[in-house]
Amino acid sequence: MRKTRKNPGYLIATLTNKCPRCRQGNIYVTQNAYDLKHNIEMHEKCPVCGQPTEVEEGFYYGTGYVSYALSVAFFVTTFVAWWVLIGMSFAIDDMRIFYWMGTSIILIILIQPLIMRLSRSIWLSWFVKYDPEWEKHPAKEKLY
């Protein structure tokens, strides 16, 4: 009887920067997002299934839109959390909105390496589909 491997779901595979085709191989050379010299250095091909990570020239230009959307979602989330937990007033003498802005800006700068990686992982997963039988099918070199 053949033993089947349990692959992670789409969300877990994307959040942990796994190959979207096999959901097993790491797409980044280093797992540490804060290794700033090698932060977005990717394997040429997935070490497990051989799926190319750059499927065409300039493929990752679109990740700017994903990164922007993640950043906006972060600011909206922190704003709502700040409003619920601390409160917000738009009175002239109340500085809480500026404290939120300062805190959010510092936090977004600190998590930027994570956002950059996640946006690439999300972008790749939109174009390279999961193949549960990837062992039987060769990896496509180009999208078109």
N, C-alpha and C. Protein backbone atom coordinates (compact mmCIF):
# COMPACT_ATOMS: atom_id res chain seq x y z
N MET A 1 0.84 -1.18 0.00
CA MET A 1 0.00 0.00 0.00
C MET A 1 0.88 1.24 0.00
N ARG A 2 0.58 2.19 -0.87
CA ARG A 2 1.38 3.40 -0.99
C ARG A 2 1.06 4.39 0.12
N LYS A 3 2.10 4.88 0.74
CA LYS A 3 1.93 5.85 1.80
C LYS A 3 1.88 7.25 1.18
N THR A 4 0.81 7.98 1.44
CA THR A 4 0.67 9.32 0.85
C THR A 4 1.15 10.37 1.84
N ARG A 5 1.75 11.39 1.26
CA ARG A 5 2.21 12.51 2.07
C ARG A 5 1.08 13.52 2.23
N LYS A 6 0.97 14.06 3.39
CA LYS A 6 -0.03 15.11 3.63
C LYS A 6 0.64 16.45 3.39
N ASN A 7 0.23 17.13 2.33
CA ASN A 7 0.77 18.44 2.02
C ASN A 7 -0.04 19.50 2.74
N PRO A 8 0.60 20.60 3.11
CA PRO A 8 -0.15 21.68 3.77
C PRO A 8 -1.14 22.31 2.80
N GLY A 9 -2.14 22.95 3.34
CA GLY A 9 -3.12 23.65 2.52
C GLY A 9 -2.52 24.90 1.89
N TYR A 10 -3.31 25.54 1.05
CA TYR A 10 -2.84 26.72 0.33
C TYR A 10 -2.34 27.82 1.26
N LEU A 11 -3.12 28.13 2.28
CA LEU A 11 -2.77 29.24 3.18
C LEU A 11 -1.47 28.96 3.93
N ILE A 12 -1.33 27.79 4.49
CA ILE A 12 -0.12 27.44 5.24
C ILE A 12 1.09 27.41 4.32
N ALA A 13 0.93 26.82 3.13
CA ALA A 13 2.04 26.75 2.18
C ALA A 13 2.49 28.15 1.75
N THR A 14 1.55 29.03 1.52
CA THR A 14 1.88 30.39 1.10
C THR A 14 2.53 31.17 2.23
N LEU A 15 1.98 31.06 3.43
CA LEU A 15 2.54 31.80 4.57
C LEU A 15 3.93 31.31 4.97
N THR A 16 4.22 30.04 4.70
CA THR A 16 5.54 29.49 5.04
C THR A 16 6.48 29.47 3.84
N ASN A 17 6.09 30.15 2.76
CA ASN A 17 6.93 30.30 1.57
C ASN A 17 7.33 28.98 0.95
N LYS A 18 6.37 28.10 0.78
CA LYS A 18 6.60 26.82 0.12
C LYS A 18 6.24 26.93 -1.36
N CYS A 19 6.79 26.03 -2.13
CA CYS A 19 6.50 25.98 -3.57
C CYS A 19 5.00 25.76 -3.77
N PRO A 20 4.34 26.56 -4.61
CA PRO A 20 2.90 26.37 -4.79
C PRO A 20 2.54 25.10 -5.56
N ARG A 21 3.47 24.55 -6.31
CA ARG A 21 3.17 23.35 -7.09
C ARG A 21 3.15 22.09 -6.24
N CYS A 22 4.17 21.91 -5.40
CA CYS A 22 4.23 20.69 -4.57
C CYS A 22 3.92 20.97 -3.09
N ARG A 23 4.01 22.23 -2.69
CA ARG A 23 3.77 22.67 -1.31
C ARG A 23 4.72 22.01 -0.31
N GLN A 24 5.90 21.63 -0.78
CA GLN A 24 6.89 21.00 0.10
C GLN A 24 8.21 21.75 0.11
N GLY A 25 8.71 22.13 -1.05
CA GLY A 25 10.02 22.76 -1.16
C GLY A 25 10.00 24.22 -0.78
N ASN A 26 11.07 24.68 -0.17
CA ASN A 26 11.20 26.10 0.17
C ASN A 26 11.59 26.88 -1.09
N ILE A 27 10.95 28.02 -1.30
CA ILE A 27 11.28 28.80 -2.49
C ILE A 27 12.43 29.77 -2.23
N TYR A 28 12.72 30.05 -0.97
CA TYR A 28 13.82 30.96 -0.63
C TYR A 28 15.05 30.18 -0.19
N VAL A 29 16.20 30.73 -0.50
CA VAL A 29 17.47 30.08 -0.16
C VAL A 29 17.64 30.03 1.35
N THR A 30 17.33 31.12 2.02
CA THR A 30 17.44 31.16 3.48
C THR A 30 16.04 31.33 4.08
N GLN A 31 15.80 30.73 5.21
CA GLN A 31 14.51 30.83 5.86
C GLN A 31 14.39 32.08 6.73
N ASN A 32 15.51 32.76 6.98
CA ASN A 32 15.51 33.95 7.82
C ASN A 32 15.21 35.18 6.97
N ALA A 33 14.05 35.77 7.16
CA ALA A 33 13.65 36.95 6.39
C ALA A 33 14.50 38.17 6.74
N TYR A 34 15.15 38.15 7.88
CA TYR A 34 15.94 39.30 8.31
C TYR A 34 17.42 39.15 7.97
N ASP A 35 17.77 38.15 7.19
CA ASP A 35 19.10 38.06 6.59
C ASP A 35 19.05 38.96 5.36
N LEU A 36 19.30 40.24 5.56
CA LEU A 36 19.00 41.24 4.55
C LEU A 36 19.82 41.12 3.28
N LYS A 37 20.99 40.47 3.33
CA LYS A 37 21.77 40.26 2.12
C LYS A 37 21.12 39.24 1.20
N HIS A 38 20.41 38.29 1.78
CA HIS A 38 19.81 37.21 1.00
C HIS A 38 18.30 37.14 1.21
N ASN A 39 17.68 38.26 1.55
CA ASN A 39 16.27 38.29 1.91
C ASN A 39 15.36 37.74 0.83
N ILE A 40 15.51 38.19 -0.41
CA ILE A 40 14.61 37.73 -1.47
C ILE A 40 15.33 36.85 -2.49
N GLU A 41 16.44 36.26 -2.08
CA GLU A 41 17.16 35.34 -2.96
C GLU A 41 16.40 34.01 -3.00
N MET A 42 15.96 33.67 -4.19
CA MET A 42 15.13 32.47 -4.36
C MET A 42 15.92 31.38 -5.07
N HIS A 43 15.53 30.14 -4.82
CA HIS A 43 16.08 29.03 -5.59
C HIS A 43 15.66 29.22 -7.04
N GLU A 44 16.52 28.83 -7.98
CA GLU A 44 16.13 28.90 -9.39
C GLU A 44 14.96 27.98 -9.68
N LYS A 45 15.00 26.80 -9.06
CA LYS A 45 13.92 25.83 -9.18
C LYS A 45 13.63 25.28 -7.79
N CYS A 46 12.41 24.83 -7.60
CA CYS A 46 12.04 24.20 -6.33
C CYS A 46 12.93 23.00 -6.08
N PRO A 47 13.54 22.89 -4.89
CA PRO A 47 14.41 21.75 -4.61
C PRO A 47 13.68 20.41 -4.59
N VAL A 48 12.36 20.41 -4.48
CA VAL A 48 11.61 19.16 -4.41
C VAL A 48 11.05 18.75 -5.77
N CYS A 49 10.31 19.65 -6.43
CA CYS A 49 9.62 19.27 -7.67
C CYS A 49 10.23 19.85 -8.94
N GLY A 50 11.16 20.78 -8.81
CA GLY A 50 11.82 21.35 -9.98
C GLY A 50 11.07 22.48 -10.66
N GLN A 51 10.02 22.99 -10.05
CA GLN A 51 9.26 24.10 -10.62
C GLN A 51 10.13 25.37 -10.62
N PRO A 52 10.30 26.01 -11.79
CA PRO A 52 11.06 27.27 -11.81
C PRO A 52 10.35 28.34 -10.98
N THR A 53 11.12 29.12 -10.24
CA THR A 53 10.51 30.16 -9.42
C THR A 53 10.35 31.47 -10.18
N GLU A 54 11.14 31.68 -11.21
CA GLU A 54 10.94 32.85 -12.07
C GLU A 54 10.48 32.33 -13.41
N VAL A 55 9.19 32.37 -13.63
CA VAL A 55 8.61 31.71 -14.79
C VAL A 55 8.69 32.54 -16.06
N GLU A 56 9.01 33.81 -15.94
CA GLU A 56 9.25 34.65 -17.10
C GLU A 56 10.01 35.91 -16.67
N GLU A 57 10.57 36.59 -17.63
CA GLU A 57 11.36 37.80 -17.36
C GLU A 57 10.47 38.87 -16.71
N GLY A 58 10.94 39.45 -15.62
CA GLY A 58 10.18 40.50 -14.95
C GLY A 58 8.94 40.01 -14.24
N PHE A 59 8.89 38.74 -13.92
CA PHE A 59 7.69 38.13 -13.33
C PHE A 59 7.27 38.80 -12.03
N TYR A 60 8.22 39.21 -11.21
CA TYR A 60 7.89 39.70 -9.87
C TYR A 60 7.62 41.19 -9.79
N TYR A 61 7.50 41.88 -10.93
CA TYR A 61 7.15 43.31 -10.88
C TYR A 61 5.77 43.52 -10.25
N GLY A 62 4.88 42.59 -10.45
CA GLY A 62 3.52 42.71 -9.92
C GLY A 62 3.42 42.56 -8.42
N THR A 63 4.49 42.12 -7.78
CA THR A 63 4.43 41.95 -6.33
C THR A 63 4.32 43.27 -5.59
N GLY A 64 4.62 44.36 -6.26
CA GLY A 64 4.44 45.67 -5.64
C GLY A 64 2.99 45.92 -5.27
N TYR A 65 2.07 45.46 -6.11
CA TYR A 65 0.65 45.62 -5.82
C TYR A 65 0.23 44.76 -4.63
N VAL A 66 0.76 43.57 -4.57
CA VAL A 66 0.45 42.67 -3.45
C VAL A 66 1.01 43.24 -2.16
N SER A 67 2.24 43.73 -2.22
CA SER A 67 2.88 44.33 -1.05
C SER A 67 2.11 45.55 -0.57
N TYR A 68 1.64 46.35 -1.51
CA TYR A 68 0.84 47.54 -1.16
C TYR A 68 -0.45 47.12 -0.47
N ALA A 69 -1.13 46.11 -1.01
CA ALA A 69 -2.37 45.63 -0.41
C ALA A 69 -2.14 45.08 0.99
N LEU A 70 -1.04 44.35 1.18
CA LEU A 70 -0.72 43.83 2.52
C LEU A 70 -0.43 44.96 3.50
N SER A 71 0.25 45.99 3.03
CA SER A 71 0.57 47.14 3.89
C SER A 71 -0.69 47.90 4.28
N VAL A 72 -1.59 48.11 3.32
CA VAL A 72 -2.85 48.79 3.62
C VAL A 72 -3.66 47.96 4.62
N ALA A 73 -3.70 46.65 4.41
CA ALA A 73 -4.42 45.78 5.35
C ALA A 73 -3.81 45.87 6.75
N PHE A 74 -2.49 45.96 6.82
CA PHE A 74 -1.82 46.10 8.11
C PHE A 74 -2.22 47.41 8.80
N PHE A 75 -2.20 48.52 8.04
CA PHE A 75 -2.57 49.82 8.63
C PHE A 75 -4.03 49.85 9.08
N VAL A 76 -4.92 49.28 8.29
CA VAL A 76 -6.33 49.24 8.67
C VAL A 76 -6.52 48.39 9.93
N THR A 77 -5.84 47.25 9.98
CA THR A 77 -5.95 46.37 11.15
C THR A 77 -5.41 47.05 12.41
N THR A 78 -4.26 47.70 12.30
CA THR A 78 -3.72 48.36 13.49
C THR A 78 -4.58 49.55 13.90
N PHE A 79 -5.18 50.23 12.92
CA PHE A 79 -6.06 51.36 13.25
C PHE A 79 -7.28 50.88 14.02
N VAL A 80 -7.91 49.81 13.53
CA VAL A 80 -9.09 49.28 14.22
C VAL A 80 -8.72 48.76 15.60
N ALA A 81 -7.60 48.05 15.70
CA ALA A 81 -7.16 47.55 17.01
C ALA A 81 -6.87 48.70 17.97
N TRP A 82 -6.22 49.73 17.48
CA TRP A 82 -5.91 50.90 18.32
C TRP A 82 -7.20 51.57 18.77
N TRP A 83 -8.13 51.72 17.86
CA TRP A 83 -9.41 52.37 18.16
C TRP A 83 -10.17 51.59 19.24
N VAL A 84 -10.20 50.25 19.11
CA VAL A 84 -10.93 49.42 20.06
C VAL A 84 -10.22 49.36 21.41
N LEU A 85 -8.90 49.18 21.41
CA LEU A 85 -8.16 48.98 22.66
C LEU A 85 -7.82 50.28 23.39
N ILE A 86 -7.43 51.30 22.66
CA ILE A 86 -6.97 52.54 23.29
C ILE A 86 -7.98 53.66 23.13
N GLY A 87 -8.64 53.66 22.02
CA GLY A 87 -9.60 54.72 21.72
C GLY A 87 -8.97 55.76 20.81
N MET A 88 -9.81 56.50 20.16
CA MET A 88 -9.33 57.49 19.21
C MET A 88 -10.23 58.71 19.33
N SER A 89 -9.62 59.84 19.31
CA SER A 89 -10.36 61.08 19.32
C SER A 89 -9.70 62.01 18.31
N PHE A 90 -10.51 62.75 17.62
CA PHE A 90 -9.96 63.66 16.63
C PHE A 90 -9.97 65.10 17.12
N ALA A 91 -9.99 65.24 18.44
CA ALA A 91 -9.90 66.58 19.03
C ALA A 91 -8.50 67.14 18.81
N ILE A 92 -8.40 68.44 18.77
CA ILE A 92 -7.12 69.09 18.47
C ILE A 92 -6.06 68.79 19.53
N ASP A 93 -6.46 68.69 20.78
CA ASP A 93 -5.48 68.47 21.85
C ASP A 93 -5.20 66.98 22.13
N ASP A 94 -5.83 66.07 21.39
CA ASP A 94 -5.63 64.64 21.59
C ASP A 94 -4.58 64.12 20.60
N MET A 95 -3.53 63.50 21.11
CA MET A 95 -2.42 63.06 20.27
C MET A 95 -2.46 61.56 19.95
N ARG A 96 -3.54 60.86 20.32
CA ARG A 96 -3.57 59.41 20.14
C ARG A 96 -3.46 58.98 18.68
N ILE A 97 -4.01 59.74 17.75
CA ILE A 97 -3.89 59.35 16.34
C ILE A 97 -2.44 59.44 15.87
N PHE A 98 -1.70 60.40 16.40
CA PHE A 98 -0.29 60.53 16.02
C PHE A 98 0.54 59.41 16.66
N TYR A 99 0.17 58.98 17.85
CA TYR A 99 0.84 57.85 18.47
C TYR A 99 0.60 56.58 17.64
N TRP A 100 -0.65 56.41 17.18
CA TRP A 100 -0.95 55.27 16.31
C TRP A 100 -0.14 55.33 15.03
N MET A 101 -0.08 56.50 14.41
CA MET A 101 0.67 56.65 13.16
C MET A 101 2.14 56.31 13.37
N GLY A 102 2.74 56.84 14.42
CA GLY A 102 4.15 56.57 14.70
C GLY A 102 4.41 55.10 14.96
N THR A 103 3.56 54.50 15.77
CA THR A 103 3.71 53.07 16.08
C THR A 103 3.54 52.21 14.83
N SER A 104 2.55 52.53 14.02
CA SER A 104 2.31 51.75 12.80
C SER A 104 3.44 51.89 11.80
N ILE A 105 3.97 53.07 11.66
CA ILE A 105 5.08 53.28 10.72
C ILE A 105 6.32 52.51 11.17
N ILE A 106 6.62 52.54 12.45
CA ILE A 106 7.77 51.78 12.96
C ILE A 106 7.56 50.28 12.75
N LEU A 107 6.34 49.80 13.04
CA LEU A 107 6.05 48.37 12.87
C LEU A 107 6.11 47.95 11.40
N ILE A 108 5.60 48.78 10.49
CA ILE A 108 5.62 48.40 9.07
C ILE A 108 7.05 48.36 8.54
N ILE A 109 7.90 49.22 9.05
CA ILE A 109 9.32 49.17 8.65
C ILE A 109 9.96 47.89 9.17
N LEU A 110 9.62 47.50 10.38
CA LEU A 110 10.20 46.29 10.97
C LEU A 110 9.72 45.00 10.28
N ILE A 111 8.48 44.97 9.79
CA ILE A 111 7.98 43.75 9.16
C ILE A 111 8.10 43.78 7.64
N GLN A 112 8.73 44.81 7.10
CA GLN A 112 8.86 44.92 5.64
C GLN A 112 9.54 43.70 4.99
N PRO A 113 10.62 43.15 5.57
CA PRO A 113 11.19 41.94 4.95
C PRO A 113 10.20 40.78 4.87
N LEU A 114 9.35 40.63 5.86
CA LEU A 114 8.33 39.58 5.83
C LEU A 114 7.29 39.86 4.76
N ILE A 115 6.89 41.11 4.61
CA ILE A 115 5.89 41.49 3.61
C ILE A 115 6.45 41.27 2.20
N MET A 116 7.72 41.60 1.99
CA MET A 116 8.33 41.40 0.68
C MET A 116 8.31 39.92 0.29
N ARG A 117 8.69 39.06 1.21
CA ARG A 117 8.70 37.62 0.94
C ARG A 117 7.29 37.09 0.72
N LEU A 118 6.38 37.50 1.58
CA LEU A 118 5.01 37.01 1.47
C LEU A 118 4.37 37.46 0.16
N SER A 119 4.65 38.67 -0.28
CA SER A 119 4.05 39.14 -1.53
C SER A 119 4.57 38.33 -2.71
N ARG A 120 5.84 37.96 -2.70
CA ARG A 120 6.38 37.10 -3.77
C ARG A 120 5.76 35.71 -3.72
N SER A 121 5.59 35.18 -2.53
CA SER A 121 4.99 33.86 -2.37
C SER A 121 3.54 33.86 -2.86
N ILE A 122 2.79 34.88 -2.51
CA ILE A 122 1.40 35.00 -2.96
C ILE A 122 1.34 35.14 -4.48
N TRP A 123 2.19 36.00 -5.02
CA TRP A 123 2.20 36.24 -6.47
C TRP A 123 2.50 34.95 -7.24
N LEU A 124 3.50 34.21 -6.78
CA LEU A 124 3.85 32.95 -7.44
C LEU A 124 2.71 31.94 -7.35
N SER A 125 2.03 31.92 -6.20
CA SER A 125 0.95 30.95 -6.02
C SER A 125 -0.26 31.26 -6.89
N TRP A 126 -0.41 32.49 -7.34
CA TRP A 126 -1.53 32.83 -8.23
C TRP A 126 -1.31 32.32 -9.64
N PHE A 127 -0.05 32.13 -10.02
CA PHE A 127 0.25 31.73 -11.39
C PHE A 127 0.69 30.27 -11.53
N VAL A 128 1.21 29.69 -10.48
CA VAL A 128 1.62 28.29 -10.50
C VAL A 128 0.63 27.52 -9.62
N LYS A 129 -0.11 26.65 -10.23
CA LYS A 129 -1.16 25.94 -9.51
C LYS A 129 -0.64 24.67 -8.84
N TYR A 130 -1.32 24.28 -7.79
CA TYR A 130 -0.99 23.07 -7.04
C TYR A 130 -1.27 21.84 -7.89
N ASP A 131 -0.33 20.92 -7.88
CA ASP A 131 -0.47 19.66 -8.61
C ASP A 131 -0.23 18.52 -7.63
N PRO A 132 -1.30 17.86 -7.14
CA PRO A 132 -1.12 16.78 -6.17
C PRO A 132 -0.32 15.61 -6.72
N GLU A 133 -0.28 15.47 -8.04
CA GLU A 133 0.49 14.39 -8.67
C GLU A 133 1.68 14.98 -9.42
N TRP A 134 2.41 15.86 -8.77
CA TRP A 134 3.53 16.55 -9.43
C TRP A 134 4.65 15.60 -9.83
N GLU A 135 4.75 14.44 -9.17
CA GLU A 135 5.79 13.48 -9.54
C GLU A 135 5.58 12.93 -10.95
N LYS A 136 4.35 12.86 -11.39
CA LYS A 136 4.02 12.30 -12.70
C LYS A 136 4.09 13.33 -13.84
N HIS A 137 3.98 14.60 -13.49
CA HIS A 137 3.95 15.65 -14.52
C HIS A 137 5.21 16.51 -14.44
N PRO A 138 5.84 16.77 -15.57
CA PRO A 138 7.03 17.64 -15.55
C PRO A 138 6.63 19.09 -15.26
N ALA A 139 7.53 19.82 -14.65
CA ALA A 139 7.29 21.23 -14.35
C ALA A 139 7.31 22.05 -15.63
N LYS A 140 6.42 23.04 -15.72
CA LYS A 140 6.40 23.92 -16.87
C LYS A 140 7.46 24.99 -16.71
N GLU A 141 8.21 25.22 -17.76
CA GLU A 141 9.26 26.24 -17.72
C GLU A 141 8.69 27.64 -17.86
N LYS A 142 7.68 27.80 -18.72
CA LYS A 142 7.07 29.10 -18.98
C LYS A 142 5.57 29.01 -18.72
N LEU A 143 4.96 30.16 -18.43
CA LEU A 143 3.52 30.20 -18.18
C LEU A 143 2.71 30.11 -19.47
N TYR A 144 3.25 30.63 -20.54
CA TYR A 144 2.49 30.66 -21.80
C TYR A 144 2.84 29.52 -22.70
